[in-house]
Amino acid sequence: MANVAMDGAGAGGGTADISISVDEISTIYNKIQKINNELEKLGKSTASIASITFYEEGKAKKALEVYEKANKKAMDLYDNYAQIANLVAHTINAMREQDESLGQEFFEKLDLPE
């Protein structure tokens, strides 16, 4: 657990201490990465199913169209989680700039290149 002072926090514009658990943020980041990996696999699977050309007409063709929509939804979700991962990474880097020892903890927990 670390405390980081953030400028401009609070109603008075002063500083506020924020308690940060490197383990918690590392866990959040790792879970987001796992979700993104699963969404990427899902996107590839639904794209593969959507590209089946065996059915050229009829009800089966219409049923397969749903996979294109599902793939778009999965990729939208993937994009959202990628944005979240970038924000968490940005937060980690900002914290690292303020406190080098805290930053080192993150790099060790997340196995990131320095």
N, C-alpha and C. Protein backbone atom coordinates (compact mmCIF):
# COMPACT_ATOMS: atom_id res chain seq x y z
N MET A 1 0.86 -1.17 0.00
CA MET A 1 0.00 0.00 0.00
C MET A 1 0.90 1.23 0.00
N ALA A 2 0.57 2.18 -0.85
CA ALA A 2 1.34 3.41 -0.95
C ALA A 2 0.38 4.58 -0.92
N ASN A 3 0.89 5.72 -0.49
CA ASN A 3 0.10 6.95 -0.51
C ASN A 3 0.72 7.89 -1.52
N VAL A 4 -0.11 8.45 -2.37
CA VAL A 4 0.36 9.38 -3.38
C VAL A 4 -0.44 10.66 -3.23
N ALA A 5 0.25 11.80 -3.16
CA ALA A 5 -0.43 13.09 -3.08
C ALA A 5 -0.76 13.56 -4.48
N MET A 6 -2.01 13.91 -4.70
CA MET A 6 -2.46 14.38 -6.01
C MET A 6 -2.78 15.86 -5.91
N ASP A 7 -2.13 16.69 -6.73
CA ASP A 7 -2.39 18.12 -6.72
C ASP A 7 -3.79 18.42 -7.22
N GLY A 8 -4.43 19.42 -6.62
CA GLY A 8 -5.73 19.86 -7.07
C GLY A 8 -6.88 19.00 -6.60
N ALA A 9 -6.62 18.04 -5.77
CA ALA A 9 -7.69 17.15 -5.30
C ALA A 9 -8.49 17.84 -4.22
N GLY A 10 -9.76 17.56 -4.16
CA GLY A 10 -10.61 18.13 -3.12
C GLY A 10 -11.21 19.46 -3.53
N ALA A 11 -12.18 19.90 -2.77
CA ALA A 11 -12.92 21.12 -3.10
C ALA A 11 -12.06 22.37 -2.96
N GLY A 12 -11.11 22.35 -2.03
CA GLY A 12 -10.30 23.53 -1.77
C GLY A 12 -9.11 23.67 -2.69
N GLY A 13 -8.91 22.70 -3.59
CA GLY A 13 -7.79 22.79 -4.51
C GLY A 13 -6.47 22.39 -3.88
N GLY A 14 -6.50 21.85 -2.66
CA GLY A 14 -5.28 21.41 -2.01
C GLY A 14 -4.87 20.04 -2.49
N THR A 15 -4.10 19.37 -1.66
CA THR A 15 -3.68 18.02 -2.02
C THR A 15 -4.43 17.02 -1.16
N ALA A 16 -4.54 15.82 -1.67
CA ALA A 16 -5.20 14.74 -0.94
C ALA A 16 -4.36 13.49 -1.09
N ASP A 17 -4.25 12.73 -0.02
CA ASP A 17 -3.54 11.46 -0.08
C ASP A 17 -4.48 10.38 -0.59
N ILE A 18 -3.97 9.59 -1.49
CA ILE A 18 -4.74 8.47 -2.03
C ILE A 18 -3.98 7.21 -1.70
N SER A 19 -4.64 6.28 -1.05
CA SER A 19 -4.00 5.01 -0.73
C SER A 19 -4.11 4.09 -1.94
N ILE A 20 -2.98 3.52 -2.33
CA ILE A 20 -2.92 2.69 -3.52
C ILE A 20 -2.30 1.35 -3.18
N SER A 21 -2.98 0.31 -3.59
CA SER A 21 -2.44 -1.03 -3.43
C SER A 21 -1.91 -1.48 -4.79
N VAL A 22 -0.60 -1.70 -4.85
CA VAL A 22 0.01 -2.15 -6.08
C VAL A 22 -0.60 -3.49 -6.49
N ASP A 23 -0.85 -4.35 -5.52
CA ASP A 23 -1.45 -5.66 -5.82
C ASP A 23 -2.82 -5.51 -6.47
N GLU A 24 -3.65 -4.60 -5.94
CA GLU A 24 -5.00 -4.42 -6.49
C GLU A 24 -4.95 -3.88 -7.92
N ILE A 25 -4.15 -2.86 -8.16
CA ILE A 25 -4.08 -2.29 -9.50
C ILE A 25 -3.47 -3.30 -10.48
N SER A 26 -2.48 -4.04 -10.03
CA SER A 26 -1.87 -5.08 -10.86
C SER A 26 -2.89 -6.15 -11.21
N THR A 27 -3.70 -6.54 -10.23
CA THR A 27 -4.74 -7.55 -10.46
C THR A 27 -5.76 -7.03 -11.47
N ILE A 28 -6.17 -5.79 -11.31
CA ILE A 28 -7.14 -5.19 -12.24
C ILE A 28 -6.57 -5.19 -13.66
N TYR A 29 -5.34 -4.75 -13.79
CA TYR A 29 -4.71 -4.68 -15.11
C TYR A 29 -4.63 -6.08 -15.74
N ASN A 30 -4.20 -7.05 -14.97
CA ASN A 30 -4.07 -8.42 -15.48
C ASN A 30 -5.43 -9.00 -15.88
N LYS A 31 -6.48 -8.71 -15.10
CA LYS A 31 -7.82 -9.20 -15.45
C LYS A 31 -8.33 -8.56 -16.73
N ILE A 32 -8.06 -7.27 -16.90
CA ILE A 32 -8.46 -6.59 -18.13
C ILE A 32 -7.75 -7.23 -19.32
N GLN A 33 -6.47 -7.54 -19.17
CA GLN A 33 -5.72 -8.17 -20.25
C GLN A 33 -6.31 -9.54 -20.59
N LYS A 34 -6.70 -10.32 -19.58
CA LYS A 34 -7.30 -11.64 -19.82
C LYS A 34 -8.63 -11.51 -20.55
N ILE A 35 -9.43 -10.53 -20.14
CA ILE A 35 -10.71 -10.29 -20.82
C ILE A 35 -10.46 -9.93 -22.29
N ASN A 36 -9.49 -9.07 -22.54
CA ASN A 36 -9.18 -8.70 -23.92
C ASN A 36 -8.73 -9.90 -24.75
N ASN A 37 -7.94 -10.77 -24.14
CA ASN A 37 -7.50 -11.97 -24.86
C ASN A 37 -8.69 -12.84 -25.24
N GLU A 38 -9.64 -13.00 -24.32
CA GLU A 38 -10.83 -13.81 -24.60
C GLU A 38 -11.71 -13.15 -25.67
N LEU A 39 -11.84 -11.83 -25.60
CA LEU A 39 -12.64 -11.12 -26.61
C LEU A 39 -11.99 -11.21 -27.99
N GLU A 40 -10.68 -11.19 -28.01
CA GLU A 40 -9.97 -11.33 -29.29
C GLU A 40 -10.23 -12.72 -29.89
N LYS A 41 -10.18 -13.76 -29.05
CA LYS A 41 -10.49 -15.11 -29.52
C LYS A 41 -11.93 -15.20 -30.00
N LEU A 42 -12.85 -14.60 -29.24
CA LEU A 42 -14.26 -14.59 -29.63
C LEU A 42 -14.45 -13.91 -30.98
N GLY A 43 -13.79 -12.78 -31.16
CA GLY A 43 -13.88 -12.05 -32.42
C GLY A 43 -13.40 -12.89 -33.59
N LYS A 44 -12.30 -13.60 -33.41
CA LYS A 44 -11.78 -14.45 -34.48
C LYS A 44 -12.75 -15.59 -34.77
N SER A 45 -13.34 -16.16 -33.74
CA SER A 45 -14.28 -17.27 -33.92
C SER A 45 -15.54 -16.82 -34.65
N THR A 46 -16.12 -15.70 -34.21
CA THR A 46 -17.34 -15.23 -34.85
C THR A 46 -17.07 -14.77 -36.28
N ALA A 47 -15.91 -14.19 -36.53
CA ALA A 47 -15.55 -13.79 -37.90
C ALA A 47 -15.42 -15.02 -38.79
N SER A 48 -14.84 -16.07 -38.24
CA SER A 48 -14.68 -17.31 -38.99
C SER A 48 -16.04 -17.92 -39.34
N ILE A 49 -16.94 -17.95 -38.36
CA ILE A 49 -18.28 -18.49 -38.61
C ILE A 49 -19.03 -17.62 -39.62
N ALA A 50 -18.91 -16.31 -39.48
CA ALA A 50 -19.61 -15.39 -40.38
C ALA A 50 -19.13 -15.52 -41.82
N SER A 51 -17.91 -15.97 -42.00
CA SER A 51 -17.36 -16.06 -43.36
C SER A 51 -17.71 -17.37 -44.06
N ILE A 52 -18.46 -18.24 -43.41
CA ILE A 52 -18.86 -19.50 -44.05
C ILE A 52 -19.73 -19.19 -45.26
N THR A 53 -19.37 -19.75 -46.38
CA THR A 53 -20.12 -19.49 -47.62
C THR A 53 -20.92 -20.71 -48.08
N PHE A 54 -21.00 -21.71 -47.26
CA PHE A 54 -21.72 -22.93 -47.61
C PHE A 54 -23.19 -22.65 -47.90
N TYR A 55 -23.78 -21.80 -47.07
CA TYR A 55 -25.20 -21.48 -47.25
C TYR A 55 -25.32 -20.21 -48.08
N GLU A 56 -25.87 -20.33 -49.24
CA GLU A 56 -26.00 -19.18 -50.12
C GLU A 56 -27.38 -18.55 -50.05
N GLU A 57 -28.38 -19.33 -49.63
CA GLU A 57 -29.74 -18.80 -49.53
C GLU A 57 -30.49 -19.50 -48.40
N GLY A 58 -31.67 -18.96 -48.11
CA GLY A 58 -32.55 -19.61 -47.15
C GLY A 58 -32.36 -19.13 -45.73
N LYS A 59 -33.02 -19.86 -44.82
CA LYS A 59 -33.00 -19.49 -43.41
C LYS A 59 -31.61 -19.59 -42.79
N ALA A 60 -30.85 -20.56 -43.22
CA ALA A 60 -29.50 -20.72 -42.65
C ALA A 60 -28.63 -19.51 -42.95
N LYS A 61 -28.74 -18.97 -44.16
CA LYS A 61 -27.96 -17.78 -44.54
C LYS A 61 -28.33 -16.61 -43.63
N LYS A 62 -29.62 -16.44 -43.40
CA LYS A 62 -30.07 -15.35 -42.54
C LYS A 62 -29.59 -15.56 -41.11
N ALA A 63 -29.59 -16.80 -40.65
CA ALA A 63 -29.14 -17.12 -39.29
C ALA A 63 -27.65 -16.81 -39.12
N LEU A 64 -26.88 -17.04 -40.17
CA LEU A 64 -25.44 -16.77 -40.09
C LEU A 64 -25.13 -15.28 -40.04
N GLU A 65 -26.04 -14.45 -40.52
CA GLU A 65 -25.82 -13.01 -40.50
C GLU A 65 -25.67 -12.47 -39.07
N VAL A 66 -26.25 -13.17 -38.12
CA VAL A 66 -26.17 -12.74 -36.73
C VAL A 66 -24.71 -12.76 -36.23
N TYR A 67 -23.89 -13.64 -36.81
CA TYR A 67 -22.50 -13.72 -36.39
C TYR A 67 -21.71 -12.47 -36.76
N GLU A 68 -22.06 -11.84 -37.86
CA GLU A 68 -21.41 -10.57 -38.23
C GLU A 68 -21.70 -9.51 -37.17
N LYS A 69 -22.96 -9.47 -36.74
CA LYS A 69 -23.34 -8.50 -35.70
C LYS A 69 -22.66 -8.84 -34.38
N ALA A 70 -22.61 -10.12 -34.07
CA ALA A 70 -21.96 -10.56 -32.83
C ALA A 70 -20.48 -10.20 -32.85
N ASN A 71 -19.85 -10.37 -34.00
CA ASN A 71 -18.44 -10.03 -34.12
C ASN A 71 -18.22 -8.54 -33.91
N LYS A 72 -19.08 -7.72 -34.48
CA LYS A 72 -18.95 -6.27 -34.28
C LYS A 72 -19.10 -5.90 -32.81
N LYS A 73 -20.08 -6.51 -32.14
CA LYS A 73 -20.30 -6.23 -30.71
C LYS A 73 -19.08 -6.66 -29.90
N ALA A 74 -18.53 -7.84 -30.22
CA ALA A 74 -17.35 -8.33 -29.50
C ALA A 74 -16.16 -7.40 -29.70
N MET A 75 -15.99 -6.91 -30.93
CA MET A 75 -14.87 -6.02 -31.21
C MET A 75 -15.08 -4.64 -30.56
N ASP A 76 -16.33 -4.19 -30.48
CA ASP A 76 -16.61 -2.94 -29.76
C ASP A 76 -16.23 -3.09 -28.29
N LEU A 77 -16.61 -4.22 -27.72
CA LEU A 77 -16.28 -4.49 -26.32
C LEU A 77 -14.77 -4.59 -26.14
N TYR A 78 -14.11 -5.24 -27.09
CA TYR A 78 -12.64 -5.35 -27.06
C TYR A 78 -12.01 -3.95 -27.06
N ASP A 79 -12.52 -3.07 -27.93
CA ASP A 79 -12.00 -1.70 -28.00
C ASP A 79 -12.18 -0.97 -26.67
N ASN A 80 -13.33 -1.17 -26.04
CA ASN A 80 -13.59 -0.53 -24.75
C ASN A 80 -12.61 -1.02 -23.68
N TYR A 81 -12.40 -2.32 -23.62
CA TYR A 81 -11.46 -2.86 -22.64
C TYR A 81 -10.02 -2.45 -22.95
N ALA A 82 -9.69 -2.32 -24.22
CA ALA A 82 -8.35 -1.85 -24.60
C ALA A 82 -8.14 -0.42 -24.10
N GLN A 83 -9.19 0.41 -24.21
CA GLN A 83 -9.11 1.78 -23.70
C GLN A 83 -8.91 1.77 -22.18
N ILE A 84 -9.64 0.91 -21.50
CA ILE A 84 -9.50 0.81 -20.05
C ILE A 84 -8.08 0.39 -19.69
N ALA A 85 -7.55 -0.60 -20.40
CA ALA A 85 -6.18 -1.06 -20.14
C ALA A 85 -5.19 0.08 -20.34
N ASN A 86 -5.40 0.89 -21.39
CA ASN A 86 -4.52 2.03 -21.63
C ASN A 86 -4.61 3.06 -20.50
N LEU A 87 -5.81 3.29 -20.00
CA LEU A 87 -5.97 4.23 -18.89
C LEU A 87 -5.28 3.73 -17.62
N VAL A 88 -5.41 2.44 -17.35
CA VAL A 88 -4.75 1.87 -16.17
C VAL A 88 -3.23 1.97 -16.35
N ALA A 89 -2.74 1.65 -17.55
CA ALA A 89 -1.30 1.76 -17.81
C ALA A 89 -0.82 3.20 -17.67
N HIS A 90 -1.63 4.15 -18.15
CA HIS A 90 -1.28 5.56 -18.00
C HIS A 90 -1.21 5.95 -16.52
N THR A 91 -2.17 5.46 -15.75
CA THR A 91 -2.19 5.73 -14.31
C THR A 91 -0.94 5.17 -13.65
N ILE A 92 -0.58 3.95 -14.01
CA ILE A 92 0.62 3.33 -13.45
C ILE A 92 1.85 4.15 -13.80
N ASN A 93 1.94 4.60 -15.05
CA ASN A 93 3.10 5.41 -15.45
C ASN A 93 3.14 6.75 -14.73
N ALA A 94 1.98 7.37 -14.55
CA ALA A 94 1.93 8.64 -13.81
C ALA A 94 2.37 8.45 -12.37
N MET A 95 1.94 7.35 -11.78
CA MET A 95 2.33 7.06 -10.39
C MET A 95 3.82 6.76 -10.31
N ARG A 96 4.32 6.08 -11.32
CA ARG A 96 5.75 5.74 -11.35
C ARG A 96 6.59 7.02 -11.42
N GLU A 97 6.11 7.99 -12.19
CA GLU A 97 6.83 9.26 -12.29
C GLU A 97 6.87 9.98 -10.95
N GLN A 98 5.81 9.85 -10.16
CA GLN A 98 5.77 10.52 -8.86
C GLN A 98 6.56 9.76 -7.81
N ASP A 99 6.60 8.46 -7.92
CA ASP A 99 7.25 7.64 -6.90
C ASP A 99 7.93 6.47 -7.58
N GLU A 100 9.24 6.58 -7.76
CA GLU A 100 10.00 5.57 -8.49
C GLU A 100 9.93 4.19 -7.83
N SER A 101 9.93 4.13 -6.51
CA SER A 101 9.85 2.82 -5.85
C SER A 101 8.50 2.17 -6.08
N LEU A 102 7.43 2.98 -6.10
CA LEU A 102 6.10 2.47 -6.40
C LEU A 102 6.06 1.96 -7.84
N GLY A 103 6.66 2.72 -8.74
CA GLY A 103 6.73 2.30 -10.13
C GLY A 103 7.47 0.99 -10.30
N GLN A 104 8.53 0.83 -9.55
CA GLN A 104 9.30 -0.42 -9.61
C GLN A 104 8.45 -1.60 -9.16
N GLU A 105 7.64 -1.40 -8.14
CA GLU A 105 6.73 -2.47 -7.67
C GLU A 105 5.79 -2.89 -8.79
N PHE A 106 5.24 -1.91 -9.51
CA PHE A 106 4.34 -2.23 -10.62
C PHE A 106 5.05 -3.04 -11.70
N PHE A 107 6.25 -2.60 -12.05
CA PHE A 107 6.97 -3.30 -13.10
C PHE A 107 7.29 -4.73 -12.69
N GLU A 108 7.58 -4.96 -11.43
CA GLU A 108 7.84 -6.32 -10.96
C GLU A 108 6.57 -7.16 -10.95
N LYS A 109 5.46 -6.60 -10.46
CA LYS A 109 4.20 -7.33 -10.37
C LYS A 109 3.63 -7.66 -11.74
N LEU A 110 3.78 -6.74 -12.69
CA LEU A 110 3.19 -6.92 -14.02
C LEU A 110 4.18 -7.47 -15.04
N ASP A 111 5.42 -7.66 -14.62
CA ASP A 111 6.45 -8.20 -15.50
C ASP A 111 6.57 -7.36 -16.77
N LEU A 112 6.63 -6.03 -16.58
CA LEU A 112 6.72 -5.09 -17.69
C LEU A 112 8.19 -4.78 -18.00
N PRO A 113 8.49 -4.50 -19.26
CA PRO A 113 9.87 -4.08 -19.59
C PRO A 113 10.10 -2.67 -19.08
N GLU A 114 11.29 -2.41 -18.61
CA GLU A 114 11.59 -1.06 -18.10
C GLU A 114 12.03 -0.14 -19.21
